Amino acid sequence: MKVYQGNVLSVNSKNEVFRFLVEDKGKILFVGDELPEEYRCCEIVALGQRALIPTFCDTHQHFASFALFNAGLNVMEAKSNTEILEMASHFYQRSHAKTLIAFGASPYSVEERRLVSREELDRVCPDKPFFMVKYDGHACVVNTVLLRQIEDKCKGLRGYHPDSGEMNQEAFFAVSDHITASIPVPELIHDMMLAVNYEASMGIGMVHSVSGVGFPKDLDIHMETWFARGLSSGFQLRVFPQKFDAEKAVKFKLGRVGGCFQCALDGCFGSTDAALLSPYANDDSNSGVLYYTDEQVTKFCKAANRAGMQIELHAIGDRAFAQAAAALKAALDDYPRDDHRHGIIHACLTTEESRKICADYHIQLPMQVSFDNWRQEPAEYTEMILGRERNTALNPVRTMKDLGCTIGFGSDGPCTDPNPIVWLYKAVNHSNPNERVSIQDALRMSTYNGYWISFDEQERGSLEAGKVADMVILSHNPYKLAPEELMKLRVEQTILRGKEFLPETGSFVRPILKGIFSSNKA
């Protein structure tokens, strides 16, 4: 039994701060300002200037993909393509992998203002497949070896550009399917264990993972589910099958469906294929791409809603967001449900009518506030393609909150690093002052709201008596910091089920076998 004394930020419905929290056997026994007599002889953990908060929840992440890229080459901080190619060359020389995977290339953050080309990748990697994924996770560049492997699958698909090696839209999805299907299972599970260790070090206790990318017989969905159920550390994964087929999604018995890939309604701003209601400011012939008709999306939502499933749909542009909101409204009008917790992922650009639907129908929003003026897609780029008015309307955190919508923050990892401190900073220091929220609201969006989205709020997400003791010790009390100081916060300790997080180690077989026979939630 332990008593934590100091700044206990409960993140309850009143955002109350208490002096004491008592934990025993993984449960919170007491939270309050006056320590009861029976706990005064217990071990005291003095927080001092530090703060105790609930663990963070990443409400949208491609967990298996993040795991692979986390173990591969990350080029997001490179300042030029020359630097990227040097990194790729060193990676090629030291890696024993059969397929080389890199992530984070952006034409908007390098000196050359373009992606590396197939020809350039060939020079540094002439005899192994090389898969260089763009920062937004919606496009890639392949070298000639990989092109030869996938050309029969990609010819004729939208987004197939063999000369440059760039693949986007449906061609990119086909390449991703090919790559994920080629990864050895032991390697993937090992990388997933490393990813859990990394995310827990960032104070994350739960990830909502969108899964289902190219493995035969949906092996990745099954593996993530078994993996989630077999973890020994207390780290939580909630798996969303990325299926645009309600009948197939029901068979996984997870009660939810959604994400990107098959459940993406449009593209992204990085490839100027996010679906817009009016053309891009720099190209009046382009309004982006809707992957499905309104009728197809509505039919899917009605079927999934009638099956009692929770639905999440990817929408970046305002046209896609309007399509998602209208389809969810139609599904709930067809078969009303009080506590569905359907959501629209990203919600980067919205419309007044679709915002009202979200408020009226209680549609939640797993948003990525990290996208706000990020290095890989800076404001000067988004203003160039969208124009000033639409650019200032991006990532409308305060607008949606004031309408009463539940917002949960996430990384869209590997697109951005799963760093909740960045979520807090960006939400409080939003580039549009009208969209800024308080640190109290930002912390609740990063913790409790995420657990609420996956129906876990009765057990986790706030520091209240009776809940699981999933907690984080921060280096400072964020409520006492000025907005511009929030990036000085550090996660000093992650505590899951009352114990300091211990890294997942050992054989990849253990969590899978344990998970196959476990009834733990996933």
Protein backbone atom coordinates (compact mmCIF):
# COMPACT_ATOMS: atom_id res chain seq x y z
CA MET A 1 0.00 0.00 0.00
CA LYS A 2 1.30 3.46 -0.95
CA VAL A 3 0.21 7.00 -0.25
CA TYR A 4 1.00 9.63 -2.89
CA GLN A 5 1.18 13.09 -1.35
CA GLY A 6 1.26 16.35 -3.29
CA ASN A 7 -0.34 17.46 -6.53
CA VAL A 8 -2.90 14.76 -7.36
CA LEU A 9 -4.68 15.88 -10.54
CA SER A 10 -7.77 13.69 -10.55
CA VAL A 11 -9.07 14.72 -14.02
CA ASN A 12 -12.53 13.91 -12.71
CA SER A 13 -15.65 15.69 -13.95
CA LYS A 14 -14.75 18.74 -11.86
CA ASN A 15 -11.00 18.61 -12.60
CA GLU A 16 -10.36 18.55 -8.86
CA VAL A 17 -6.86 18.58 -7.38
CA PHE A 18 -6.26 16.65 -4.16
CA ARG A 19 -3.40 16.22 -1.70
CA PHE A 20 -3.52 12.46 -1.20
CA LEU A 21 -4.07 9.28 -3.18
CA VAL A 22 -3.93 5.81 -1.64
CA GLU A 23 -3.17 2.77 -3.82
CA ASP A 24 -3.25 -0.89 -2.83
CA LYS A 25 -2.98 -4.04 -4.95
CA GLY A 26 -3.41 -2.08 -8.16
CA LYS A 27 -6.55 -0.20 -7.10
CA ILE A 28 -7.13 3.35 -5.92
CA LEU A 29 -8.61 3.20 -2.41
CA PHE A 30 -8.85 6.87 -1.54
CA VAL A 31 -8.40 10.33 -3.09
CA GLY A 32 -8.85 13.46 -0.98
CA ASP A 33 -7.33 16.31 1.00
CA GLU A 34 -7.37 14.76 4.48
CA LEU A 35 -5.66 11.39 4.84
CA PRO A 36 -7.78 8.95 6.90
CA GLU A 37 -6.19 7.57 10.05
CA GLU A 38 -5.92 3.99 8.76
CA TYR A 39 -3.54 5.06 5.95
CA ARG A 40 -1.16 7.27 7.97
CA CYS A 41 1.32 4.49 8.66
CA CYS A 42 1.71 3.59 4.96
CA GLU A 43 4.70 4.27 2.73
CA ILE A 44 4.59 7.89 1.55
CA VAL A 45 5.59 8.95 -1.95
CA ALA A 46 6.19 12.69 -1.71
CA LEU A 47 5.52 14.34 -5.05
CA GLY A 48 6.95 17.75 -4.22
CA GLN A 49 6.71 19.97 -7.31
CA ARG A 50 5.75 16.95 -9.40
CA ALA A 51 2.20 15.89 -10.25
CA LEU A 52 0.30 12.61 -10.33
CA ILE A 53 -2.14 12.21 -13.23
CA PRO A 54 -3.99 9.35 -14.97
CA THR A 55 -2.16 7.61 -17.81
CA PHE A 56 -2.60 9.08 -21.25
CA CYS A 57 -4.68 7.38 -23.95
CA ASP A 58 -3.74 7.50 -27.64
CA THR A 59 -7.13 7.44 -29.36
CA HIS A 60 -5.90 6.71 -32.88
CA GLN A 61 -2.78 4.83 -33.80
CA HIS A 62 -1.70 2.28 -36.39
CA PHE A 63 0.02 0.24 -33.69
CA ALA A 64 1.56 -2.53 -35.80
CA SER A 65 2.77 0.01 -38.37
CA PHE A 66 4.14 2.24 -35.63
CA ALA A 67 5.96 -0.76 -34.19
CA LEU A 68 7.58 -1.56 -37.54
CA PHE A 69 8.59 2.03 -38.25
CA ASN A 70 9.76 2.56 -34.67
CA ALA A 71 12.20 -0.31 -35.24
CA GLY A 72 13.17 0.95 -38.70
CA LEU A 73 14.60 4.20 -40.02
CA ASN A 74 12.97 7.48 -39.01
CA VAL A 75 13.85 10.40 -41.29
CA MET A 76 11.34 12.94 -39.96
CA GLU A 77 14.02 15.27 -38.59
CA ALA A 78 16.14 15.29 -41.76
CA LYS A 79 16.61 18.76 -43.23
CA SER A 80 17.40 17.67 -46.80
CA ASN A 81 17.02 14.75 -49.16
CA THR A 82 20.80 14.51 -49.16
CA GLU A 83 20.63 13.81 -45.44
CA ILE A 84 17.79 11.31 -45.95
CA LEU A 85 19.80 9.40 -48.54
CA GLU A 86 22.86 9.36 -46.28
CA MET A 87 20.70 7.96 -43.48
CA ALA A 88 19.23 5.41 -45.89
CA SER A 89 22.71 4.36 -47.03
CA HIS A 90 23.90 3.77 -43.45
CA PHE A 91 20.67 1.90 -42.70
CA TYR A 92 21.19 -0.33 -45.75
CA GLN A 93 24.76 -1.13 -44.70
CA ARG A 94 23.90 -2.11 -41.12
CA SER A 95 20.45 -3.71 -41.46
CA HIS A 96 19.97 -7.45 -41.86
CA ALA A 97 16.28 -7.11 -42.76
CA LYS A 98 15.14 -8.53 -46.09
CA THR A 99 13.01 -5.43 -46.72
CA LEU A 100 14.15 -1.99 -45.59
CA ILE A 101 11.48 0.27 -44.15
CA ALA A 102 11.84 4.00 -43.53
CA PHE A 103 9.29 6.56 -42.44
CA GLY A 104 8.78 10.31 -42.31
CA ALA A 105 9.87 11.73 -45.67
CA SER A 106 8.27 15.11 -46.35
CA PRO A 107 8.69 17.41 -49.34
CA TYR A 108 7.70 20.36 -47.16
CA SER A 109 10.46 20.12 -44.54
CA VAL A 110 13.53 19.50 -46.71
CA GLU A 111 15.64 21.93 -48.68
CA GLU A 112 14.83 20.35 -52.05
CA ARG A 113 11.05 20.68 -51.50
CA ARG A 114 10.40 17.31 -53.09
CA LEU A 115 10.37 13.64 -52.15
CA VAL A 116 13.37 11.43 -52.83
CA SER A 117 12.97 9.50 -56.07
CA ARG A 118 13.10 5.84 -57.05
CA GLU A 119 16.37 6.49 -58.88
CA GLU A 120 17.95 8.02 -55.77
CA LEU A 121 16.84 5.09 -53.60
CA ASP A 122 18.32 2.71 -56.17
CA ARG A 123 21.73 4.34 -55.72
CA VAL A 124 21.80 3.67 -51.97
CA CYS A 125 19.91 0.35 -52.02
CA PRO A 126 20.27 -1.49 -55.34
CA ASP A 127 19.52 -5.09 -54.32
CA LYS A 128 16.91 -5.06 -51.53
CA PRO A 129 13.33 -3.79 -51.49
CA PHE A 130 13.21 -0.28 -49.98
CA PHE A 131 9.91 1.14 -48.71
CA MET A 132 10.17 4.88 -47.89
CA VAL A 133 6.85 6.00 -46.40
CA LYS A 134 5.78 9.61 -46.51
CA TYR A 135 5.20 11.39 -43.19
CA ASP A 136 1.39 11.34 -43.54
CA GLY A 137 1.21 7.56 -43.93
CA HIS A 138 -0.76 7.92 -47.18
CA ALA A 139 2.03 7.71 -49.75
CA CYS A 140 5.45 6.19 -50.27
CA VAL A 141 8.43 5.96 -52.59
CA VAL A 142 9.73 2.54 -53.65
CA ASN A 143 13.01 1.53 -55.22
CA THR A 144 13.20 -0.57 -58.39
CA VAL A 145 13.54 -3.91 -56.56
CA LEU A 146 10.29 -3.28 -54.69
CA LEU A 147 8.60 -1.84 -57.77
CA ARG A 148 9.18 -5.09 -59.62
CA GLN A 149 7.58 -7.01 -56.78
CA ILE A 150 4.43 -4.92 -56.67
CA GLU A 151 3.91 -3.62 -60.20
CA ASP A 152 1.42 -6.34 -61.16
CA LYS A 153 -0.66 -5.51 -58.06
CA CYS A 154 -0.54 -1.76 -58.62
CA LYS A 155 -0.81 -1.27 -62.37
CA GLY A 156 -4.05 0.48 -63.19
CA LEU A 157 -4.65 1.62 -59.63
CA ARG A 158 -5.10 5.29 -58.80
CA GLY A 159 -1.86 6.78 -57.47
CA TYR A 160 0.55 4.48 -59.35
CA HIS A 161 3.62 6.45 -60.50
CA PRO A 162 6.39 4.03 -61.50
CA ASP A 163 8.71 6.65 -63.01
CA SER A 164 9.20 8.55 -59.75
CA GLY A 165 8.50 5.52 -57.56
CA GLU A 166 5.84 7.47 -55.67
CA MET A 167 2.69 5.55 -54.75
CA ASN A 168 -0.40 7.12 -53.21
CA GLN A 169 -4.12 6.49 -52.83
CA GLU A 170 -5.11 2.90 -53.77
CA ALA A 171 -1.62 2.10 -55.10
CA PHE A 172 -0.11 2.98 -51.73
CA PHE A 173 -2.57 0.74 -49.91
CA ALA A 174 -1.63 -2.13 -52.23
CA VAL A 175 2.09 -1.62 -51.53
CA SER A 176 1.41 -1.44 -47.78
CA ASP A 177 -0.51 -4.71 -47.97
CA HIS A 178 2.42 -6.33 -49.78
CA ILE A 179 4.97 -5.08 -47.23
CA THR A 180 3.03 -6.08 -44.12
CA ALA A 181 2.34 -9.53 -45.54
CA SER A 182 6.10 -10.03 -46.02
CA ILE A 183 7.12 -9.23 -42.43
CA PRO A 184 7.98 -12.37 -40.40
CA VAL A 185 5.59 -12.81 -37.47
CA PRO A 186 8.36 -13.13 -34.82
CA GLU A 187 9.90 -9.85 -36.05
CA LEU A 188 6.54 -8.05 -35.89
CA ILE A 189 5.75 -9.27 -32.35
CA HIS A 190 9.23 -8.31 -31.17
CA ASP A 191 8.77 -4.82 -32.62
CA MET A 192 5.35 -4.56 -30.96
CA MET A 193 6.89 -5.33 -27.58
CA LEU A 194 9.47 -2.58 -28.13
CA ALA A 195 6.67 -0.20 -29.14
CA VAL A 196 4.76 -0.87 -25.90
CA ASN A 197 7.90 -0.15 -23.91
CA TYR A 198 8.43 3.12 -25.76
CA GLU A 199 4.84 4.29 -25.42
CA ALA A 200 4.69 3.47 -21.72
CA SER A 201 7.85 5.56 -21.26
CA MET A 202 5.82 8.46 -22.70
CA GLY A 203 3.12 7.99 -20.06
CA ILE A 204 0.65 6.22 -22.35
CA GLY A 205 -1.37 3.45 -20.73
CA MET A 206 -3.77 2.67 -23.55
CA VAL A 207 -3.73 2.76 -27.34
CA HIS A 208 -6.69 2.54 -29.70
CA SER A 209 -5.13 0.60 -32.56
CA VAL A 210 -6.59 0.47 -36.05
CA SER A 211 -5.59 -2.84 -37.55
CA GLY A 212 -6.03 -4.80 -40.75
CA VAL A 213 -3.44 -4.04 -43.42
CA GLY A 214 -2.68 -6.78 -45.88
CA PHE A 215 -2.00 -9.87 -43.80
CA PRO A 216 -3.58 -13.04 -45.18
CA LYS A 217 -6.77 -14.05 -43.38
CA ASP A 218 -6.54 -10.87 -41.26
CA LEU A 219 -3.67 -12.32 -39.27
CA ASP A 220 -2.60 -8.88 -38.03
CA ILE A 221 -5.99 -8.22 -36.43
CA HIS A 222 -5.87 -11.58 -34.69
CA MET A 223 -2.24 -11.04 -33.62
CA GLU A 224 -2.91 -7.59 -32.19
CA THR A 225 -5.92 -8.94 -30.31
CA TRP A 226 -3.96 -11.87 -28.87
CA PHE A 227 -1.02 -9.58 -28.14
CA ALA A 228 -3.28 -7.10 -26.32
CA ARG A 229 -4.81 -9.84 -24.17
CA GLY A 230 -1.43 -11.40 -23.39
CA LEU A 231 0.47 -8.34 -22.16
CA SER A 232 1.71 -8.79 -18.59
CA SER A 233 2.58 -5.18 -17.77
CA GLY A 234 -0.96 -3.81 -17.62
CA PHE A 235 -0.60 -1.82 -20.84
CA GLN A 236 -3.92 -1.73 -22.70
CA LEU A 237 -4.70 -2.05 -26.42
CA ARG A 238 -8.15 -1.65 -27.94
CA VAL A 239 -8.25 -3.02 -31.49
CA PHE A 240 -10.42 -1.48 -34.24
CA PRO A 241 -10.63 -3.71 -37.34
CA GLN A 242 -10.25 -1.56 -40.45
CA LYS A 243 -13.01 -3.27 -42.38
CA PHE A 244 -15.57 -1.67 -44.67
CA ASP A 245 -17.77 -4.73 -44.21
CA ALA A 246 -19.94 -4.93 -41.11
CA GLU A 247 -20.45 -8.70 -41.35
CA LYS A 248 -16.70 -9.37 -41.40
CA ALA A 249 -16.09 -6.91 -38.54
CA VAL A 250 -18.69 -8.59 -36.34
CA LYS A 251 -16.81 -11.90 -36.59
CA PHE A 252 -13.86 -10.47 -34.63
CA LYS A 253 -16.17 -10.07 -31.60
CA LEU A 254 -14.52 -6.79 -30.61
CA GLY A 255 -17.69 -4.68 -30.79
CA ARG A 256 -16.08 -2.00 -32.91
CA VAL A 257 -15.00 -1.23 -36.46
CA GLY A 258 -13.14 1.61 -38.12
CA GLY A 259 -9.94 3.44 -38.75
CA CYS A 260 -8.20 4.34 -42.01
CA PHE A 261 -7.33 2.31 -45.10
CA GLN A 262 -10.66 0.53 -45.85
CA CYS A 263 -12.46 2.94 -43.50
CA ALA A 264 -10.82 6.07 -44.90
CA LEU A 265 -13.31 8.28 -46.71
CA ASP A 266 -10.64 10.48 -48.30
CA GLY A 267 -6.91 11.07 -48.57
CA CYS A 268 -4.83 13.72 -46.83
CA PHE A 269 -3.50 17.25 -47.29
CA GLY A 270 0.06 16.07 -47.88
CA SER A 271 -1.00 14.44 -51.13
CA THR A 272 -3.71 17.04 -51.84
CA ASP A 273 -6.32 14.30 -52.06
CA ALA A 274 -8.31 15.09 -48.91
CA ALA A 275 -11.85 15.60 -50.18
CA LEU A 276 -12.91 19.28 -50.21
CA LEU A 277 -16.23 20.96 -50.90
CA SER A 278 -14.44 23.54 -53.06
CA PRO A 279 -11.16 23.16 -54.98
CA TYR A 280 -7.70 23.50 -53.54
CA ALA A 281 -6.47 27.09 -53.52
CA ASN A 282 -3.43 26.23 -55.63
CA ASP A 283 -5.27 24.00 -58.12
CA ASP A 284 -8.84 24.83 -59.08
CA SER A 285 -9.12 21.54 -60.98
CA ASN A 286 -8.58 19.46 -57.83
CA SER A 287 -11.07 18.96 -54.99
CA GLY A 288 -9.49 15.77 -53.64
CA VAL A 289 -10.84 12.24 -53.63
CA LEU A 290 -13.79 10.53 -51.97
CA TYR A 291 -13.09 6.81 -51.88
CA TYR A 292 -16.76 5.85 -51.53
CA THR A 293 -20.13 7.18 -52.59
CA ASP A 294 -22.54 8.56 -50.00
CA GLU A 295 -24.73 5.51 -50.53
CA GLN A 296 -21.87 3.09 -49.82
CA VAL A 297 -20.86 4.84 -46.59
CA THR A 298 -24.45 5.08 -45.37
CA LYS A 299 -25.10 1.40 -46.12
CA PHE A 300 -21.99 0.40 -44.17
CA CYS A 301 -22.84 2.61 -41.19
CA LYS A 302 -26.42 1.36 -41.04
CA ALA A 303 -25.31 -2.26 -41.06
CA ALA A 304 -22.60 -1.76 -38.42
CA ASN A 305 -24.88 0.33 -36.22
CA ARG A 306 -27.68 -2.24 -36.40
CA ALA A 307 -25.12 -4.89 -35.41
CA GLY A 308 -24.46 -2.91 -32.22
CA MET A 309 -20.94 -1.92 -33.20
CA GLN A 310 -19.01 1.24 -32.47
CA ILE A 311 -18.00 2.93 -35.74
CA GLU A 312 -15.05 5.23 -36.50
CA LEU A 313 -14.36 6.76 -39.91
CA HIS A 314 -11.32 8.65 -41.24
CA ALA A 315 -12.15 12.11 -42.61
CA ILE A 316 -9.61 14.86 -43.29
CA GLY A 317 -11.33 17.24 -45.72
CA ASP A 318 -14.64 19.01 -45.12
CA ARG A 319 -16.42 17.04 -47.85
CA ALA A 320 -15.36 13.75 -46.25
CA PHE A 321 -16.28 15.01 -42.78
CA ALA A 322 -19.74 15.98 -44.04
CA GLN A 323 -20.10 12.55 -45.65
CA ALA A 324 -19.15 10.80 -42.39
CA ALA A 325 -21.48 12.91 -40.25
CA ALA A 326 -24.40 12.43 -42.64
CA ALA A 327 -23.86 8.65 -42.80
CA LEU A 328 -23.69 8.29 -39.01
CA LYS A 329 -26.80 10.44 -38.66
CA ALA A 330 -28.63 8.25 -41.19
CA ALA A 331 -27.56 5.13 -39.32
CA LEU A 332 -28.79 6.47 -35.98
CA ASP A 333 -32.03 7.73 -37.49
CA ASP A 334 -32.50 4.25 -38.93
CA TYR A 335 -31.72 2.48 -35.64
CA PRO A 336 -31.40 4.85 -32.64
CA ARG A 337 -28.90 3.97 -29.91
CA ASP A 338 -28.28 5.96 -26.75
CA ASP A 339 -24.63 5.10 -26.09
CA HIS A 340 -23.06 4.25 -29.44
CA ARG A 341 -19.88 6.34 -29.15
CA HIS A 342 -19.42 6.50 -32.92
CA GLY A 343 -16.60 8.77 -34.00
CA ILE A 344 -15.00 10.68 -36.86
CA ILE A 345 -11.21 10.41 -36.83
CA HIS A 346 -9.00 13.45 -37.56
CA ALA A 347 -11.84 15.99 -38.16
CA CYS A 348 -9.27 18.39 -39.60
CA LEU A 349 -11.69 20.49 -41.66
CA THR A 350 -15.40 20.56 -40.82
CA THR A 351 -18.62 22.31 -41.83
CA GLU A 352 -21.24 24.06 -39.71
CA GLU A 353 -23.93 21.53 -40.61
CA SER A 354 -21.75 18.50 -39.89
CA ARG A 355 -20.55 20.02 -36.60
CA LYS A 356 -24.18 20.36 -35.53
CA ILE A 357 -24.82 16.72 -36.42
CA CYS A 358 -21.88 15.69 -34.25
CA ALA A 359 -23.25 17.68 -31.33
CA ASP A 360 -26.84 16.53 -31.74
CA TYR A 361 -25.97 12.85 -32.25
CA HIS A 362 -23.14 12.71 -29.68
CA ILE A 363 -20.46 11.76 -32.20
CA GLN A 364 -17.01 11.74 -30.62
CA LEU A 365 -13.81 12.94 -32.28
CA PRO A 366 -10.39 11.27 -32.04
CA MET A 367 -8.37 14.30 -33.15
CA GLN A 368 -4.67 14.84 -33.79
CA VAL A 369 -3.84 18.27 -32.42
CA SER A 370 -0.21 17.40 -33.22
CA PHE A 371 -1.10 18.19 -36.83
CA ASP A 372 -1.36 21.88 -35.95
CA ASN A 373 1.48 23.60 -37.81
CA TRP A 374 3.75 20.55 -37.56
CA ARG A 375 7.17 20.49 -39.13
CA GLN A 376 6.28 17.93 -41.80
CA GLU A 377 3.21 19.92 -42.90
CA PRO A 378 3.79 23.54 -41.86
CA ALA A 379 1.21 26.30 -41.91
CA GLU A 380 2.73 27.96 -44.97
CA TYR A 381 2.08 24.76 -46.92
CA THR A 382 -1.48 24.22 -45.71
CA GLU A 383 -2.29 27.89 -46.33
CA MET A 384 -0.92 27.60 -49.86
CA ILE A 385 -3.17 24.65 -50.70
CA LEU A 386 -6.24 25.67 -48.68
CA GLY A 387 -6.18 29.45 -48.52
CA ARG A 388 -6.13 31.51 -45.34
CA GLU A 389 -9.76 31.03 -44.28
CA ARG A 390 -9.74 27.25 -44.44
CA ASN A 391 -6.26 27.08 -43.00
CA THR A 392 -7.31 28.90 -39.83
CA ALA A 393 -10.27 26.52 -39.49
CA LEU A 394 -8.07 23.40 -39.24
CA ASN A 395 -8.18 21.19 -36.16
CA PRO A 396 -11.14 22.96 -34.49
CA VAL A 397 -10.57 21.74 -30.94
CA ARG A 398 -12.25 24.60 -29.06
CA THR A 399 -15.11 24.85 -31.56
CA MET A 400 -16.03 21.18 -31.16
CA LYS A 401 -15.58 21.25 -27.40
CA ASP A 402 -17.88 24.25 -27.04
CA LEU A 403 -20.53 22.35 -28.99
CA GLY A 404 -20.38 19.64 -26.34
CA CYS A 405 -18.53 17.01 -28.39
CA THR A 406 -16.16 14.61 -26.67
CA ILE A 407 -12.63 15.00 -28.05
CA GLY A 408 -9.85 12.50 -27.47
CA PHE A 409 -6.30 13.18 -28.59
CA GLY A 410 -4.12 10.73 -30.47
CA SER A 411 -0.95 10.54 -32.50
CA ASP A 412 -2.03 8.79 -35.71
CA GLY A 413 1.30 7.06 -35.11
CA PRO A 414 3.53 6.60 -36.94
CA CYS A 415 2.47 9.88 -38.61
CA THR A 416 3.41 11.76 -35.45
CA ASP A 417 5.36 10.52 -32.48
CA PRO A 418 3.10 9.30 -29.63
CA ASN A 419 4.06 12.16 -27.30
CA PRO A 420 1.19 13.37 -25.08
CA ILE A 421 3.22 16.35 -23.87
CA VAL A 422 3.02 17.66 -27.45
CA TRP A 423 -0.77 17.15 -27.37
CA LEU A 424 -1.03 19.28 -24.25
CA TYR A 425 1.23 21.98 -25.65
CA LYS A 426 -0.47 22.17 -29.05
CA ALA A 427 -3.99 22.26 -27.60
CA VAL A 428 -3.17 25.10 -25.22
CA ASN A 429 -1.04 26.96 -27.80
CA HIS A 430 -3.10 26.27 -30.93
CA SER A 431 -1.94 28.36 -33.90
CA ASN A 432 -5.46 29.80 -34.06
CA PRO A 433 -6.03 31.55 -30.70
CA ASN A 434 -9.77 30.95 -31.04
CA GLU A 435 -9.17 27.20 -30.93
CA ARG A 436 -7.05 27.15 -27.77
CA VAL A 437 -8.32 25.30 -24.70
CA SER A 438 -7.31 25.36 -21.05
CA ILE A 439 -4.65 22.98 -19.73
CA GLN A 440 -7.39 21.32 -17.65
CA ASP A 441 -9.42 20.61 -20.78
CA ALA A 442 -6.35 19.49 -22.72
CA LEU A 443 -5.38 17.04 -19.98
CA ARG A 444 -8.89 15.59 -19.88
CA MET A 445 -8.87 15.20 -23.68
CA SER A 446 -5.54 13.37 -23.39
CA THR A 447 -6.62 11.05 -20.58
CA TYR A 448 -10.21 10.50 -19.44
CA ASN A 449 -11.88 11.19 -22.78
CA GLY A 450 -9.79 8.54 -24.52
CA TYR A 451 -10.82 5.91 -22.01
CA TRP A 452 -14.43 7.05 -22.34
CA ILE A 453 -14.29 6.62 -26.12
CA SER A 454 -13.49 2.91 -25.73
CA PHE A 455 -16.00 2.35 -22.89
CA ASP A 456 -13.21 2.06 -20.30
CA GLU A 457 -14.04 5.10 -18.17
CA GLN A 458 -15.50 3.06 -15.30
CA GLU A 459 -12.10 1.45 -14.69
CA ARG A 460 -9.52 3.93 -15.96
CA GLY A 461 -8.95 7.49 -17.14
CA SER A 462 -9.24 9.47 -13.90
CA LEU A 463 -7.87 9.18 -10.38
CA GLU A 464 -10.92 8.17 -8.39
CA ALA A 465 -11.52 5.60 -5.66
CA GLY A 466 -12.33 2.17 -7.06
CA LYS A 467 -10.47 2.62 -10.34
CA VAL A 468 -7.35 0.83 -11.56
CA ALA A 469 -4.20 2.62 -10.41
CA ASP A 470 -2.88 3.50 -13.88
CA MET A 471 -0.97 6.71 -13.21
CA VAL A 472 1.86 8.93 -14.40
CA ILE A 473 4.22 11.08 -12.37
CA LEU A 474 5.05 14.29 -14.26
CA SER A 475 8.10 16.40 -13.51
CA HIS A 476 5.94 19.48 -12.89
CA ASN A 477 2.34 20.37 -12.19
CA PRO A 478 0.99 21.35 -15.65
CA TYR A 479 -1.75 23.44 -14.02
CA LYS A 480 0.95 25.73 -12.62
CA LEU A 481 2.93 26.19 -15.83
CA ALA A 482 2.48 29.01 -18.33
CA PRO A 483 1.23 27.76 -21.73
CA GLU A 484 4.60 28.32 -23.39
CA GLU A 485 6.33 26.26 -20.66
CA LEU A 486 4.39 23.03 -21.14
CA MET A 487 7.08 21.39 -23.27
CA LYS A 488 9.32 21.32 -20.19
CA LEU A 489 7.07 18.58 -18.77
CA ARG A 490 8.68 15.15 -18.53
CA VAL A 491 7.22 11.75 -17.71
CA GLU A 492 9.23 10.56 -14.71
CA GLN A 493 7.37 7.34 -14.04
CA THR A 494 4.51 5.32 -15.50
CA ILE A 495 2.57 3.19 -13.05
CA LEU A 496 0.25 0.47 -14.31
CA ARG A 497 -2.00 -1.44 -11.91
CA GLY A 498 -0.15 0.20 -9.05
CA LYS A 499 3.32 -0.93 -10.10
CA GLU A 500 6.07 0.88 -11.93
CA PHE A 501 5.93 -0.17 -15.55
CA LEU A 502 8.38 -2.94 -16.37
CA PRO A 503 9.34 -3.35 -20.02
CA GLU A 504 7.86 -6.24 -21.95
CA THR A 505 10.66 -8.76 -22.53
CA GLY A 506 11.17 -12.39 -23.44
CA SER A 507 9.94 -14.60 -26.24
CA PHE A 508 7.38 -13.32 -28.71
CA VAL A 509 5.51 -16.60 -28.19
CA ARG A 510 4.53 -15.85 -24.58
CA PRO A 511 2.12 -12.91 -25.07
CA ILE A 512 0.54 -14.53 -28.13
CA LEU A 513 -0.08 -17.91 -26.46
CA LYS A 514 -1.29 -16.23 -23.29
CA GLY A 515 -3.56 -13.96 -25.32
CA ILE A 516 -5.12 -16.77 -27.33
CA PHE A 517 -6.48 -18.32 -24.14
CA SER A 518 -7.14 -15.09 -22.24
CA SER A 519 -10.45 -13.33 -21.77
CA ASN A 520 -8.78 -9.97 -21.10
CA LYS A 521 -10.24 -6.99 -22.92
CA ALA A 522 -8.76 -5.99 -26.25
